[in-house]
Amino acid sequence: MAKITYHIVEHDGGFAYRLNDVYSETFRTHDEAFLAARRAAVRQQRPGESAGIVWEDAGGHWHAEVSSGSDRPQTEISDDT
């Protein structure tokens, strides 16, 4: 099972959550950013429908696969402030 971590960080004059190199919107308070990250983490764990996906890797090669709606990652939140 994959594991992903949402990081609470100071960002653009407020706080945001970050997943890898992607930032959420900026929130005024740490608590608002934490609650938004928790909502995102919960949504990420909900099962959905299986779907076909096509993606390009760093080497420029395309891949097609089926993403199972029940194959959800384990999530956690880290406070990096």
C-alpha atoms as a PDB file:
ATOM      1  CA  MET A   1       0.000   0.000   0.000  1.00  0.00           C
ATOM      2  CA  ALA A   2       1.289   3.430  -0.941  1.00  0.00           C
ATOM      3  CA  LYS A   3       1.708   6.051   1.774  1.00  0.00           C
ATOM      4  CA  ILE A   4       1.359   9.794   1.233  1.00  0.00           C
ATOM      5  CA  THR A   5       2.025  12.643   3.632  1.00  0.00           C
ATOM      6  CA  TYR A   6       0.391  16.055   3.637  1.00  0.00           C
ATOM      7  CA  HIS A   7       2.783  18.623   5.160  1.00  0.00           C
ATOM      8  CA  ILE A   8       1.508  21.741   6.963  1.00  0.00           C
ATOM      9  CA  VAL A   9       3.848  24.613   6.020  1.00  0.00           C
ATOM     10  CA  GLU A  10       4.076  28.392   6.131  1.00  0.00           C
ATOM     11  CA  HIS A  11       3.245  29.656   2.658  1.00  0.00           C
ATOM     12  CA  ASP A  12       2.572  32.990   0.968  1.00  0.00           C
ATOM     13  CA  GLY A  13       1.946  34.935   4.172  1.00  0.00           C
ATOM     14  CA  GLY A  14      -0.155  32.231   5.804  1.00  0.00           C
ATOM     15  CA  PHE A  15      -0.299  28.451   5.978  1.00  0.00           C
ATOM     16  CA  ALA A  16      -0.922  25.709   3.438  1.00  0.00           C
ATOM     17  CA  TYR A  17      -0.641  21.988   3.099  1.00  0.00           C
ATOM     18  CA  ARG A  18       1.777  20.478   0.616  1.00  0.00           C
ATOM     19  CA  LEU A  19       1.794  17.091  -1.073  1.00  0.00           C
ATOM     20  CA  ASN A  20       5.126  16.476  -2.793  1.00  0.00           C
ATOM     21  CA  ASP A  21       5.765  19.779  -4.654  1.00  0.00           C
ATOM     22  CA  VAL A  22       2.121  20.903  -4.866  1.00  0.00           C
ATOM     23  CA  TYR A  23       0.694  23.477  -2.437  1.00  0.00           C
ATOM     24  CA  SER A  24      -2.920  23.987  -1.453  1.00  0.00           C
ATOM     25  CA  GLU A  25      -4.500  27.385  -1.333  1.00  0.00           C
ATOM     26  CA  THR A  26      -3.167  29.642   1.433  1.00  0.00           C
ATOM     27  CA  PHE A  27      -5.105  29.715   4.710  1.00  0.00           C
ATOM     28  CA  ARG A  28      -4.987  32.493   7.306  1.00  0.00           C
ATOM     29  CA  THR A  29      -4.287  30.187  10.231  1.00  0.00           C
ATOM     30  CA  HIS A  30      -2.409  26.995  10.938  1.00  0.00           C
ATOM     31  CA  ASP A  31      -5.608  25.361  12.212  1.00  0.00           C
ATOM     32  CA  GLU A  32      -7.479  26.120   8.968  1.00  0.00           C
ATOM     33  CA  ALA A  33      -4.651  24.561   6.925  1.00  0.00           C
ATOM     34  CA  PHE A  34      -4.549  21.521   9.207  1.00  0.00           C
ATOM     35  CA  LEU A  35      -8.298  20.934   8.941  1.00  0.00           C
ATOM     36  CA  ALA A  36      -8.169  21.289   5.141  1.00  0.00           C
ATOM     37  CA  ALA A  37      -5.293  18.777   4.996  1.00  0.00           C
ATOM     38  CA  ARG A  38      -7.246  16.369   7.171  1.00  0.00           C
ATOM     39  CA  ARG A  39     -10.282  16.639   4.863  1.00  0.00           C
ATOM     40  CA  ALA A  40      -8.033  15.988   1.837  1.00  0.00           C
ATOM     41  CA  ALA A  41      -6.423  12.985   3.555  1.00  0.00           C
ATOM     42  CA  VAL A  42      -9.819  11.477   4.392  1.00  0.00           C
ATOM     43  CA  ARG A  43     -11.061  11.979   0.803  1.00  0.00           C
ATOM     44  CA  GLN A  44      -7.902  10.339  -0.520  1.00  0.00           C
ATOM     45  CA  GLN A  45      -8.669   7.163   1.450  1.00  0.00           C
ATOM     46  CA  ARG A  46     -12.266   6.772   0.212  1.00  0.00           C
ATOM     47  CA  PRO A  47     -12.743   3.973  -2.278  1.00  0.00           C
ATOM     48  CA  GLY A  48     -14.025   4.920  -5.694  1.00  0.00           C
ATOM     49  CA  GLU A  49     -14.570   3.377  -9.085  1.00  0.00           C
ATOM     50  CA  SER A  50     -11.831   1.638 -11.035  1.00  0.00           C
ATOM     51  CA  ALA A  51     -10.661   3.756 -13.959  1.00  0.00           C
ATOM     52  CA  GLY A  52      -8.248   3.564 -16.845  1.00  0.00           C
ATOM     53  CA  ILE A  53      -5.393   6.059 -16.691  1.00  0.00           C
ATOM     54  CA  VAL A  54      -2.697   7.056 -19.158  1.00  0.00           C
ATOM     55  CA  TRP A  55       0.475   8.789 -17.958  1.00  0.00           C
ATOM     56  CA  GLU A  56       3.889   9.839 -19.212  1.00  0.00           C
ATOM     57  CA  ASP A  57       7.022   9.018 -17.213  1.00  0.00           C
ATOM     58  CA  ALA A  58      10.109  11.238 -16.852  1.00  0.00           C
ATOM     59  CA  GLY A  59      11.708   9.494 -19.841  1.00  0.00           C
ATOM     60  CA  GLY A  60       8.844  10.433 -22.159  1.00  0.00           C
ATOM     61  CA  HIS A  61       7.306   6.954 -22.301  1.00  0.00           C
ATOM     62  CA  TRP A  62       3.538   6.603 -22.105  1.00  0.00           C
ATOM     63  CA  HIS A  63       1.866   3.985 -19.920  1.00  0.00           C
ATOM     64  CA  ALA A  64      -1.742   2.764 -19.771  1.00  0.00           C
ATOM     65  CA  GLU A  65      -3.075   0.964 -16.722  1.00  0.00           C
ATOM     66  CA  VAL A  66      -6.171   0.426 -14.634  1.00  0.00           C
ATOM     67  CA  SER A  67      -6.337   2.126 -11.262  1.00  0.00           C
ATOM     68  CA  SER A  68      -8.457   0.083  -8.870  1.00  0.00           C
ATOM     69  CA  GLY A  69     -10.982   2.136  -6.945  1.00  0.00           C
ATOM     70  CA  SER A  70     -10.203   0.108  -3.846  1.00  0.00           C
ATOM     71  CA  ASP A  71      -6.414   0.609  -4.013  1.00  0.00           C
ATOM     72  CA  ARG A  72      -6.210   3.675  -1.768  1.00  0.00           C
ATOM     73  CA  PRO A  73      -3.066   4.998  -0.091  1.00  0.00           C
ATOM     74  CA  GLN A  74      -2.404   5.307   3.598  1.00  0.00           C
ATOM     75  CA  THR A  75      -2.341   9.019   4.503  1.00  0.00           C
ATOM     76  CA  GLU A  76      -0.796  11.072   7.270  1.00  0.00           C
ATOM     77  CA  ILE A  77      -0.326  14.730   8.148  1.00  0.00           C
ATOM     78  CA  SER A  78       3.006  16.204   9.229  1.00  0.00           C
ATOM     79  CA  ASP A  79       3.372  19.603  10.897  1.00  0.00           C
ATOM     80  CA  ASP A  80       6.480  21.177   9.358  1.00  0.00           C
ATOM     81  CA  THR A  81       5.967  24.631  10.883  1.00  0.00           C
END
